[in-house]
Amino acid sequence: MPEESTMTRNTDGSCREISAFYKEEFLKHKARLELQREFYSDKALRDIEKALDRIIKDMDSICRLDQFSQLASQLLERIDIITNLSGSPSKYSQRIH
């Protein structure tokens, strides 16, 4: 079981807060993607939305990984290549719910 301890970190309130923050970030990207619908094929949109939905759904588990910060940053960078949310007006940077 020592391997498990290197795979996960302790669950606590901070994990829920971090998870909620990253869920919000990915939801912003999903909203931005909706505005760009005309630029992508239906298949590409389905694939991207499927990936975003899975990330959002699994975020509570993902945040327990030791390398969570690096993984979350890489995922956000990759989705930002598609949505360009970081380069958009501040309107898209606000909370969406």
PDB file of N, CA and C in Angstrom:
ATOM      1  N   MET A   1       0.779  -1.208   0.000  1.00  0.00           N
ATOM      2  CA  MET A   1       0.000   0.000   0.000  1.00  0.00           C
ATOM      3  C   MET A   1       0.821   1.273   0.000  1.00  0.00           C
ATOM      4  N   PRO A   2       2.120   1.230   0.142  1.00  0.00           N
ATOM      5  CA  PRO A   2       2.891   2.461   0.078  1.00  0.00           C
ATOM      6  C   PRO A   2       2.701   3.203  -1.237  1.00  0.00           C
ATOM      7  N   GLU A   3       2.474   2.459  -2.329  1.00  0.00           N
ATOM      8  CA  GLU A   3       2.270   3.120  -3.616  1.00  0.00           C
ATOM      9  C   GLU A   3       1.042   4.005  -3.582  1.00  0.00           C
ATOM     10  N   GLU A   4      -0.012   3.573  -2.889  1.00  0.00           N
ATOM     11  CA  GLU A   4      -1.230   4.365  -2.826  1.00  0.00           C
ATOM     12  C   GLU A   4      -0.969   5.716  -2.183  1.00  0.00           C
ATOM     13  N   SER A   5      -0.125   5.745  -1.161  1.00  0.00           N
ATOM     14  CA  SER A   5       0.154   7.017  -0.504  1.00  0.00           C
ATOM     15  C   SER A   5       0.897   7.974  -1.427  1.00  0.00           C
ATOM     16  N   THR A   6       1.644   7.450  -2.386  1.00  0.00           N
ATOM     17  CA  THR A   6       2.304   8.336  -3.332  1.00  0.00           C
ATOM     18  C   THR A   6       1.359   8.747  -4.452  1.00  0.00           C
ATOM     19  N   MET A   7       0.262   8.017  -4.616  1.00  0.00           N
ATOM     20  CA  MET A   7      -0.697   8.336  -5.657  1.00  0.00           C
ATOM     21  C   MET A   7      -1.736   9.354  -5.195  1.00  0.00           C
ATOM     22  N   THR A   8      -2.079   9.360  -3.925  1.00  0.00           N
ATOM     23  CA  THR A   8      -3.129  10.246  -3.443  1.00  0.00           C
ATOM     24  C   THR A   8      -2.657  11.024  -2.236  1.00  0.00           C
ATOM     25  N   ARG A   9      -3.322  12.104  -1.980  1.00  0.00           N
ATOM     26  CA  ARG A   9      -3.037  12.880  -0.777  1.00  0.00           C
ATOM     27  C   ARG A   9      -4.258  12.828   0.113  1.00  0.00           C
ATOM     28  N   ASN A  10      -4.122  13.291   1.328  1.00  0.00           N
ATOM     29  CA  ASN A  10      -5.239  13.258   2.264  1.00  0.00           C
ATOM     30  C   ASN A  10      -6.396  14.102   1.753  1.00  0.00           C
ATOM     31  N   THR A  11      -7.601  13.618   2.002  1.00  0.00           N
ATOM     32  CA  THR A  11      -8.800  14.347   1.629  1.00  0.00           C
ATOM     33  C   THR A  11      -9.129  15.320   2.750  1.00  0.00           C
ATOM     34  N   ASP A  12      -9.384  16.560   2.414  1.00  0.00           N
ATOM     35  CA  ASP A  12      -9.792  17.537   3.411  1.00  0.00           C
ATOM     36  C   ASP A  12     -10.586  18.642   2.738  1.00  0.00           C
ATOM     37  N   GLY A  13     -10.979  19.613   3.515  1.00  0.00           N
ATOM     38  CA  GLY A  13     -11.766  20.722   2.994  1.00  0.00           C
ATOM     39  C   GLY A  13     -11.063  21.491   1.900  1.00  0.00           C
ATOM     40  N   SER A  14      -9.745  21.602   1.999  1.00  0.00           N
ATOM     41  CA  SER A  14      -9.013  22.353   0.978  1.00  0.00           C
ATOM     42  C   SER A  14      -9.110  21.667  -0.380  1.00  0.00           C
ATOM     43  N   CYS A  15      -9.187  20.353  -0.395  1.00  0.00           N
ATOM     44  CA  CYS A  15      -9.328  19.628  -1.655  1.00  0.00           C
ATOM     45  C   CYS A  15     -10.661  19.983  -2.308  1.00  0.00           C
ATOM     46  N   ARG A  16     -11.707  20.081  -1.513  1.00  0.00           N
ATOM     47  CA  ARG A  16     -13.022  20.453  -2.056  1.00  0.00           C
ATOM     48  C   ARG A  16     -12.985  21.868  -2.617  1.00  0.00           C
ATOM     49  N   GLU A  17     -12.305  22.768  -1.928  1.00  0.00           N
ATOM     50  CA  GLU A  17     -12.208  24.151  -2.404  1.00  0.00           C
ATOM     51  C   GLU A  17     -11.415  24.224  -3.704  1.00  0.00           C
ATOM     52  N   ILE A  18     -10.318  23.504  -3.753  1.00  0.00           N
ATOM     53  CA  ILE A  18      -9.493  23.479  -4.956  1.00  0.00           C
ATOM     54  C   ILE A  18     -10.272  22.861  -6.113  1.00  0.00           C
ATOM     55  N   SER A  19     -10.966  21.772  -5.828  1.00  0.00           N
ATOM     56  CA  SER A  19     -11.779  21.109  -6.846  1.00  0.00           C
ATOM     57  C   SER A  19     -12.843  22.063  -7.381  1.00  0.00           C
ATOM     58  N   ALA A  20     -13.517  22.764  -6.495  1.00  0.00           N
ATOM     59  CA  ALA A  20     -14.560  23.711  -6.902  1.00  0.00           C
ATOM     60  C   ALA A  20     -13.971  24.815  -7.783  1.00  0.00           C
ATOM     61  N   PHE A  21     -12.784  25.300  -7.428  1.00  0.00           N
ATOM     62  CA  PHE A  21     -12.132  26.338  -8.226  1.00  0.00           C
ATOM     63  C   PHE A  21     -11.854  25.841  -9.641  1.00  0.00           C
ATOM     64  N   TYR A  22     -11.263  24.659  -9.759  1.00  0.00           N
ATOM     65  CA  TYR A  22     -10.927  24.146 -11.084  1.00  0.00           C
ATOM     66  C   TYR A  22     -12.162  23.753 -11.882  1.00  0.00           C
ATOM     67  N   LYS A  23     -13.197  23.257 -11.215  1.00  0.00           N
ATOM     68  CA  LYS A  23     -14.455  22.984 -11.928  1.00  0.00           C
ATOM     69  C   LYS A  23     -14.966  24.274 -12.560  1.00  0.00           C
ATOM     70  N   GLU A  24     -14.928  25.351 -11.791  1.00  0.00           N
ATOM     71  CA  GLU A  24     -15.376  26.654 -12.293  1.00  0.00           C
ATOM     72  C   GLU A  24     -14.549  27.086 -13.502  1.00  0.00           C
ATOM     73  N   GLU A  25     -13.243  26.883 -13.429  1.00  0.00           N
ATOM     74  CA  GLU A  25     -12.385  27.251 -14.557  1.00  0.00           C
ATOM     75  C   GLU A  25     -12.740  26.451 -15.808  1.00  0.00           C
ATOM     76  N   PHE A  26     -12.945  25.157 -15.661  1.00  0.00           N
ATOM     77  CA  PHE A  26     -13.293  24.334 -16.814  1.00  0.00           C
ATOM     78  C   PHE A  26     -14.689  24.658 -17.330  1.00  0.00           C
ATOM     79  N   LEU A  27     -15.606  25.044 -16.448  1.00  0.00           N
ATOM     80  CA  LEU A  27     -16.932  25.474 -16.899  1.00  0.00           C
ATOM     81  C   LEU A  27     -16.842  26.763 -17.715  1.00  0.00           C
ATOM     82  N   LYS A  28     -15.935  27.647 -17.353  1.00  0.00           N
ATOM     83  CA  LYS A  28     -15.709  28.864 -18.141  1.00  0.00           C
ATOM     84  C   LYS A  28     -15.246  28.508 -19.547  1.00  0.00           C
ATOM     85  N   HIS A  29     -14.344  27.546 -19.639  1.00  0.00           N
ATOM     86  CA  HIS A  29     -13.864  27.119 -20.954  1.00  0.00           C
ATOM     87  C   HIS A  29     -14.993  26.478 -21.759  1.00  0.00           C
ATOM     88  N   LYS A  30     -15.842  25.723 -21.089  1.00  0.00           N
ATOM     89  CA  LYS A  30     -16.965  25.089 -21.768  1.00  0.00           C
ATOM     90  C   LYS A  30     -17.928  26.156 -22.312  1.00  0.00           C
ATOM     91  N   ALA A  31     -18.187  27.196 -21.527  1.00  0.00           N
ATOM     92  CA  ALA A  31     -19.048  28.288 -21.980  1.00  0.00           C
ATOM     93  C   ALA A  31     -18.419  29.016 -23.163  1.00  0.00           C
ATOM     94  N   ARG A  32     -17.136  29.233 -23.093  1.00  0.00           N
ATOM     95  CA  ARG A  32     -16.420  29.904 -24.189  1.00  0.00           C
ATOM     96  C   ARG A  32     -16.475  29.056 -25.456  1.00  0.00           C
ATOM     97  N   LEU A  33     -16.327  27.756 -25.306  1.00  0.00           N
ATOM     98  CA  LEU A  33     -16.390  26.848 -26.446  1.00  0.00           C
ATOM     99  C   LEU A  33     -17.753  26.949 -27.137  1.00  0.00           C
ATOM    100  N   GLU A  34     -18.796  27.083 -26.363  1.00  0.00           N
ATOM    101  CA  GLU A  34     -20.146  27.209 -26.928  1.00  0.00           C
ATOM    102  C   GLU A  34     -20.234  28.420 -27.850  1.00  0.00           C
ATOM    103  N   LEU A  35     -19.557  29.500 -27.490  1.00  0.00           N
ATOM    104  CA  LEU A  35     -19.552  30.703 -28.324  1.00  0.00           C
ATOM    105  C   LEU A  35     -18.766  30.504 -29.621  1.00  0.00           C
ATOM    106  N   GLN A  36     -17.902  29.505 -29.647  1.00  0.00           N
ATOM    107  CA  GLN A  36     -17.053  29.248 -30.812  1.00  0.00           C
ATOM    108  C   GLN A  36     -17.563  28.076 -31.651  1.00  0.00           C
ATOM    109  N   ARG A  37     -18.757  27.625 -31.375  1.00  0.00           N
ATOM    110  CA  ARG A  37     -19.331  26.436 -32.000  1.00  0.00           C
ATOM    111  C   ARG A  37     -19.198  26.426 -33.519  1.00  0.00           C
ATOM    112  N   GLU A  38     -19.392  27.565 -34.146  1.00  0.00           N
ATOM    113  CA  GLU A  38     -19.370  27.634 -35.613  1.00  0.00           C
ATOM    114  C   GLU A  38     -17.993  27.319 -36.216  1.00  0.00           C
ATOM    115  N   PHE A  39     -16.954  27.367 -35.421  1.00  0.00           N
ATOM    116  CA  PHE A  39     -15.605  27.170 -35.933  1.00  0.00           C
ATOM    117  C   PHE A  39     -15.132  25.721 -35.883  1.00  0.00           C
ATOM    118  N   TYR A  40     -15.931  24.832 -35.299  1.00  0.00           N
ATOM    119  CA  TYR A  40     -15.519  23.441 -35.112  1.00  0.00           C
ATOM    120  C   TYR A  40     -16.532  22.487 -35.725  1.00  0.00           C
ATOM    121  N   SER A  41     -16.047  21.356 -36.145  1.00  0.00           N
ATOM    122  CA  SER A  41     -16.947  20.315 -36.650  1.00  0.00           C
ATOM    123  C   SER A  41     -17.749  19.750 -35.476  1.00  0.00           C
ATOM    124  N   ASP A  42     -18.856  19.119 -35.788  1.00  0.00           N
ATOM    125  CA  ASP A  42     -19.682  18.514 -34.747  1.00  0.00           C
ATOM    126  C   ASP A  42     -18.898  17.476 -33.957  1.00  0.00           C
ATOM    127  N   LYS A  43     -18.101  16.675 -34.657  1.00  0.00           N
ATOM    128  CA  LYS A  43     -17.317  15.634 -33.990  1.00  0.00           C
ATOM    129  C   LYS A  43     -16.283  16.257 -33.046  1.00  0.00           C
ATOM    130  N   ALA A  44     -15.601  17.278 -33.516  1.00  0.00           N
ATOM    131  CA  ALA A  44     -14.595  17.939 -32.671  1.00  0.00           C
ATOM    132  C   ALA A  44     -15.251  18.511 -31.422  1.00  0.00           C
ATOM    133  N   LEU A  45     -16.392  19.151 -31.582  1.00  0.00           N
ATOM    134  CA  LEU A  45     -17.103  19.698 -30.427  1.00  0.00           C
ATOM    135  C   LEU A  45     -17.522  18.608 -29.460  1.00  0.00           C
ATOM    136  N   ARG A  46     -18.061  17.515 -29.976  1.00  0.00           N
ATOM    137  CA  ARG A  46     -18.468  16.407 -29.097  1.00  0.00           C
ATOM    138  C   ARG A  46     -17.275  15.877 -28.315  1.00  0.00           C
ATOM    139  N   ASP A  47     -16.138  15.715 -29.001  1.00  0.00           N
ATOM    140  CA  ASP A  47     -14.938  15.194 -28.339  1.00  0.00           C
ATOM    141  C   ASP A  47     -14.437  16.141 -27.248  1.00  0.00           C
ATOM    142  N   ILE A  48     -14.403  17.417 -27.556  1.00  0.00           N
ATOM    143  CA  ILE A  48     -13.929  18.408 -26.587  1.00  0.00           C
ATOM    144  C   ILE A  48     -14.890  18.486 -25.403  1.00  0.00           C
ATOM    145  N   GLU A  49     -16.187  18.540 -25.686  1.00  0.00           N
ATOM    146  CA  GLU A  49     -17.180  18.605 -24.609  1.00  0.00           C
ATOM    147  C   GLU A  49     -17.152  17.350 -23.751  1.00  0.00           C
ATOM    148  N   LYS A  50     -16.961  16.204 -24.373  1.00  0.00           N
ATOM    149  CA  LYS A  50     -16.870  14.944 -23.625  1.00  0.00           C
ATOM    150  C   LYS A  50     -15.674  14.988 -22.666  1.00  0.00           C
ATOM    151  N   ALA A  51     -14.540  15.470 -23.171  1.00  0.00           N
ATOM    152  CA  ALA A  51     -13.343  15.568 -22.326  1.00  0.00           C
ATOM    153  C   ALA A  51     -13.571  16.551 -21.177  1.00  0.00           C
ATOM    154  N   LEU A  52     -14.147  17.710 -21.470  1.00  0.00           N
ATOM    155  CA  LEU A  52     -14.418  18.697 -20.421  1.00  0.00           C
ATOM    156  C   LEU A  52     -15.400  18.153 -19.385  1.00  0.00           C
ATOM    157  N   ASP A  53     -16.448  17.498 -19.862  1.00  0.00           N
ATOM    158  CA  ASP A  53     -17.423  16.920 -18.930  1.00  0.00           C
ATOM    159  C   ASP A  53     -16.784  15.891 -18.011  1.00  0.00           C
ATOM    160  N   ARG A  54     -15.903  15.087 -18.565  1.00  0.00           N
ATOM    161  CA  ARG A  54     -15.241  14.072 -17.743  1.00  0.00           C
ATOM    162  C   ARG A  54     -14.304  14.712 -16.722  1.00  0.00           C
ATOM    163  N   ILE A  55     -13.552  15.710 -17.147  1.00  0.00           N
ATOM    164  CA  ILE A  55     -12.653  16.410 -16.226  1.00  0.00           C
ATOM    165  C   ILE A  55     -13.462  17.026 -15.085  1.00  0.00           C
ATOM    166  N   ILE A  56     -14.550  17.699 -15.426  1.00  0.00           N
ATOM    167  CA  ILE A  56     -15.383  18.348 -14.415  1.00  0.00           C
ATOM    168  C   ILE A  56     -15.974  17.304 -13.467  1.00  0.00           C
ATOM    169  N   LYS A  57     -16.481  16.212 -14.029  1.00  0.00           N
ATOM    170  CA  LYS A  57     -17.102  15.157 -13.219  1.00  0.00           C
ATOM    171  C   LYS A  57     -16.091  14.510 -12.278  1.00  0.00           C
ATOM    172  N   ASP A  58     -14.869  14.308 -12.741  1.00  0.00           N
ATOM    173  CA  ASP A  58     -13.852  13.604 -11.970  1.00  0.00           C
ATOM    174  C   ASP A  58     -12.938  14.519 -11.147  1.00  0.00           C
ATOM    175  N   MET A  59     -13.205  15.812 -11.144  1.00  0.00           N
ATOM    176  CA  MET A  59     -12.297  16.760 -10.495  1.00  0.00           C
ATOM    177  C   MET A  59     -12.091  16.454  -9.009  1.00  0.00           C
ATOM    178  N   ASP A  60     -13.125  16.007  -8.308  1.00  0.00           N
ATOM    179  CA  ASP A  60     -12.958  15.700  -6.884  1.00  0.00           C
ATOM    180  C   ASP A  60     -11.931  14.592  -6.675  1.00  0.00           C
ATOM    181  N   SER A  61     -11.910  13.616  -7.562  1.00  0.00           N
ATOM    182  CA  SER A  61     -10.921  12.538  -7.470  1.00  0.00           C
ATOM    183  C   SER A  61      -9.557  13.002  -7.949  1.00  0.00           C
ATOM    184  N   ILE A  62      -9.547  13.762  -9.025  1.00  0.00           N
ATOM    185  CA  ILE A  62      -8.284  14.239  -9.599  1.00  0.00           C
ATOM    186  C   ILE A  62      -7.531  15.107  -8.584  1.00  0.00           C
ATOM    187  N   CYS A  63      -8.264  15.896  -7.810  1.00  0.00           N
ATOM    188  CA  CYS A  63      -7.580  16.829  -6.891  1.00  0.00           C
ATOM    189  C   CYS A  63      -6.851  16.106  -5.771  1.00  0.00           C
ATOM    190  N   ARG A  64      -7.105  14.836  -5.598  1.00  0.00           N
ATOM    191  CA  ARG A  64      -6.416  14.064  -4.551  1.00  0.00           C
ATOM    192  C   ARG A  64      -5.051  13.540  -5.012  1.00  0.00           C
ATOM    193  N   LEU A  65      -4.764  13.638  -6.297  1.00  0.00           N
ATOM    194  CA  LEU A  65      -3.484  13.155  -6.807  1.00  0.00           C
ATOM    195  C   LEU A  65      -2.344  14.050  -6.344  1.00  0.00           C
ATOM    196  N   ASP A  66      -1.197  13.445  -6.067  1.00  0.00           N
ATOM    197  CA  ASP A  66      -0.029  14.220  -5.644  1.00  0.00           C
ATOM    198  C   ASP A  66       0.372  15.268  -6.672  1.00  0.00           C
ATOM    199  N   GLN A  67       0.268  14.935  -7.928  1.00  0.00           N
ATOM    200  CA  GLN A  67       0.686  15.842  -9.001  1.00  0.00           C
ATOM    201  C   GLN A  67      -0.479  16.683  -9.522  1.00  0.00           C
ATOM    202  N   PHE A  68      -1.496  16.874  -8.697  1.00  0.00           N
ATOM    203  CA  PHE A  68      -2.702  17.565  -9.131  1.00  0.00           C
ATOM    204  C   PHE A  68      -2.426  18.948  -9.704  1.00  0.00           C
ATOM    205  N   SER A  69      -1.634  19.754  -9.041  1.00  0.00           N
ATOM    206  CA  SER A  69      -1.382  21.127  -9.505  1.00  0.00           C
ATOM    207  C   SER A  69      -0.816  21.145 -10.913  1.00  0.00           C
ATOM    208  N   GLN A  70       0.162  20.289 -11.163  1.00  0.00           N
ATOM    209  CA  GLN A  70       0.762  20.223 -12.490  1.00  0.00           C
ATOM    210  C   GLN A  70      -0.244  19.715 -13.523  1.00  0.00           C
ATOM    211  N   LEU A  71      -0.997  18.682 -13.148  1.00  0.00           N
ATOM    212  CA  LEU A  71      -1.984  18.118 -14.063  1.00  0.00           C
ATOM    213  C   LEU A  71      -3.059  19.147 -14.404  1.00  0.00           C
ATOM    214  N   ALA A  72      -3.601  19.814 -13.408  1.00  0.00           N
ATOM    215  CA  ALA A  72      -4.646  20.811 -13.634  1.00  0.00           C
ATOM    216  C   ALA A  72      -4.125  21.952 -14.502  1.00  0.00           C
ATOM    217  N   SER A  73      -2.910  22.398 -14.248  1.00  0.00           N
ATOM    218  CA  SER A  73      -2.320  23.475 -15.054  1.00  0.00           C
ATOM    219  C   SER A  73      -2.157  23.044 -16.505  1.00  0.00           C
ATOM    220  N   GLN A  74      -1.680  21.835 -16.709  1.00  0.00           N
ATOM    221  CA  GLN A  74      -1.508  21.332 -18.076  1.00  0.00           C
ATOM    222  C   GLN A  74      -2.845  21.194 -18.793  1.00  0.00           C
ATOM    223  N   LEU A  75      -3.845  20.687 -18.097  1.00  0.00           N
ATOM    224  CA  LEU A  75      -5.168  20.548 -18.707  1.00  0.00           C
ATOM    225  C   LEU A  75      -5.745  21.914 -19.077  1.00  0.00           C
ATOM    226  N   LEU A  76      -5.611  22.884 -18.176  1.00  0.00           N
ATOM    227  CA  LEU A  76      -6.110  24.232 -18.471  1.00  0.00           C
ATOM    228  C   LEU A  76      -5.361  24.856 -19.644  1.00  0.00           C
ATOM    229  N   GLU A  77      -4.054  24.672 -19.690  1.00  0.00           N
ATOM    230  CA  GLU A  77      -3.274  25.214 -20.804  1.00  0.00           C
ATOM    231  C   GLU A  77      -3.712  24.603 -22.120  1.00  0.00           C
ATOM    232  N   ARG A  78      -3.948  23.303 -22.119  1.00  0.00           N
ATOM    233  CA  ARG A  78      -4.343  22.622 -23.358  1.00  0.00           C
ATOM    234  C   ARG A  78      -5.724  23.042 -23.827  1.00  0.00           C
ATOM    235  N   ILE A  79      -6.662  23.179 -22.913  1.00  0.00           N
ATOM    236  CA  ILE A  79      -8.000  23.595 -23.325  1.00  0.00           C
ATOM    237  C   ILE A  79      -7.993  25.067 -23.721  1.00  0.00           C
ATOM    238  N   ASP A  80      -7.111  25.858 -23.121  1.00  0.00           N
ATOM    239  CA  ASP A  80      -7.014  27.270 -23.474  1.00  0.00           C
ATOM    240  C   ASP A  80      -6.496  27.450 -24.897  1.00  0.00           C
ATOM    241  N   ILE A  81      -5.719  26.520 -25.377  1.00  0.00           N
ATOM    242  CA  ILE A  81      -5.262  26.565 -26.774  1.00  0.00           C
ATOM    243  C   ILE A  81      -6.471  26.532 -27.699  1.00  0.00           C
ATOM    244  N   ILE A  82      -7.480  25.774 -27.315  1.00  0.00           N
ATOM    245  CA  ILE A  82      -8.689  25.642 -28.125  1.00  0.00           C
ATOM    246  C   ILE A  82      -9.620  26.839 -27.925  1.00  0.00           C
ATOM    247  N   THR A  83      -9.871  27.214 -26.686  1.00  0.00           N
ATOM    248  CA  THR A  83     -10.871  28.251 -26.403  1.00  0.00           C
ATOM    249  C   THR A  83     -10.315  29.672 -26.399  1.00  0.00           C
ATOM    250  N   ASN A  84      -9.013  29.816 -26.159  1.00  0.00           N
ATOM    251  CA  ASN A  84      -8.365  31.121 -26.031  1.00  0.00           C
ATOM    252  C   ASN A  84      -9.048  31.991 -24.973  1.00  0.00           C
ATOM    253  N   LEU A  85      -9.536  31.357 -23.918  1.00  0.00           N
ATOM    254  CA  LEU A  85     -10.208  32.093 -22.849  1.00  0.00           C
ATOM    255  C   LEU A  85      -9.280  33.106 -22.194  1.00  0.00           C
ATOM    256  N   SER A  86      -8.024  32.759 -22.035  1.00  0.00           N
ATOM    257  CA  SER A  86      -7.090  33.673 -21.366  1.00  0.00           C
ATOM    258  C   SER A  86      -6.870  34.952 -22.166  1.00  0.00           C
ATOM    259  N   GLY A  87      -7.127  34.902 -23.463  1.00  0.00           N
ATOM    260  CA  GLY A  87      -6.954  36.084 -24.293  1.00  0.00           C
ATOM    261  C   GLY A  87      -8.243  36.832 -24.562  1.00  0.00           C
ATOM    262  N   SER A  88      -9.320  36.435 -23.901  1.00  0.00           N
ATOM    263  CA  SER A  88     -10.620  37.044 -24.161  1.00  0.00           C
ATOM    264  C   SER A  88     -10.893  38.191 -23.192  1.00  0.00           C
ATOM    265  N   PRO A  89     -11.879  39.010 -23.521  1.00  0.00           N
ATOM    266  CA  PRO A  89     -12.251  40.110 -22.612  1.00  0.00           C
ATOM    267  C   PRO A  89     -12.654  39.571 -21.241  1.00  0.00           C
ATOM    268  N   SER A  90     -12.574  40.404 -20.235  1.00  0.00           N
ATOM    269  CA  SER A  90     -12.832  39.986 -18.857  1.00  0.00           C
ATOM    270  C   SER A  90     -14.223  39.412 -18.656  1.00  0.00           C
ATOM    271  N   LYS A  91     -15.164  39.718 -19.536  1.00  0.00           N
ATOM    272  CA  LYS A  91     -16.521  39.184 -19.448  1.00  0.00           C
ATOM    273  C   LYS A  91     -16.500  37.661 -19.328  1.00  0.00           C
ATOM    274  N   TYR A  92     -15.570  36.999 -19.995  1.00  0.00           N
ATOM    275  CA  TYR A  92     -15.498  35.552 -19.984  1.00  0.00           C
ATOM    276  C   TYR A  92     -14.729  35.026 -18.783  1.00  0.00           C
ATOM    277  N   SER A  93     -14.111  35.877 -18.049  1.00  0.00           N
ATOM    278  CA  SER A  93     -13.332  35.464 -16.895  1.00  0.00           C
ATOM    279  C   SER A  93     -14.145  35.487 -15.600  1.00  0.00           C
ATOM    280  N   GLN A  94     -15.379  35.973 -15.673  1.00  0.00           N
ATOM    281  CA  GLN A  94     -16.202  36.064 -14.482  1.00  0.00           C
ATOM    282  C   GLN A  94     -16.814  34.711 -14.154  1.00  0.00           C
ATOM    283  N   ARG A  95     -17.302  34.582 -12.934  1.00  0.00           N
ATOM    284  CA  ARG A  95     -17.984  33.353 -12.513  1.00  0.00           C
ATOM    285  C   ARG A  95     -19.197  33.136 -13.418  1.00  0.00           C
ATOM    286  N   ILE A  96     -19.465  31.872 -13.725  1.00  0.00           N
ATOM    287  CA  ILE A  96     -20.567  31.599 -14.633  1.00  0.00           C
ATOM    288  C   ILE A  96     -21.795  31.051 -13.935  1.00  0.00           C
ATOM    289  N   HIS A  97     -21.720  30.733 -12.673  1.00  0.00           N
ATOM    290  CA  HIS A  97     -22.921  30.306 -11.960  1.00  0.00           C
ATOM    291  C   HIS A  97     -22.913  30.806 -10.544  1.00  0.00           C
TER     292      HIS A  97
END
